[in-house]
């Protein structure tokens, strides 16, 4: 899997920024993607995941599940939609979440004016998407440089969801 630099709607760079948004602990239920579009040698589509809300760690959310973007698929051949044949990309440091995995997501409601037809929430890419492994927010696939840089991952990786809730 390679990284891509997605369009940035906005970002969270600290616990203070994150505290202004909804943060959930959830389980990835499913994934989907739209029809690929593109040029002669590259056909891409956004990948979305549905995450059931196990616990709201910060903010208020009545929904029992949320849909967020989590990477893109890219095919080399027009008409191919088999994900086994696709390259997978996420923002640098953002985990590619799979059904069954536990995750902590920092969320912002996506407005209709953004033109996003697949996702109802924005999870701030690398800064707001965390796989939970052994009860803690995992560092992977963040590099040591990403983890040592100031920002939300530096403040949250290694914490339990309960510690995240206390910080927010």
Foldseek 3Di string as FASTA:
>chain_A
DEADADDFPDAAFALVSLLVFKKFKWFWADKDWDAWDDDQFKTKIWMKTKTAGPDTLHDDDPDRIFIETAWMWMARDPPDDPSVRTDTYFHAQFDRDDGGWIKMFRWDADDVVVVDDGGGIYRRTNQGIFTADPQAGARPPHDPVRCVDRGNNVVGGGHGSNVSSVSD
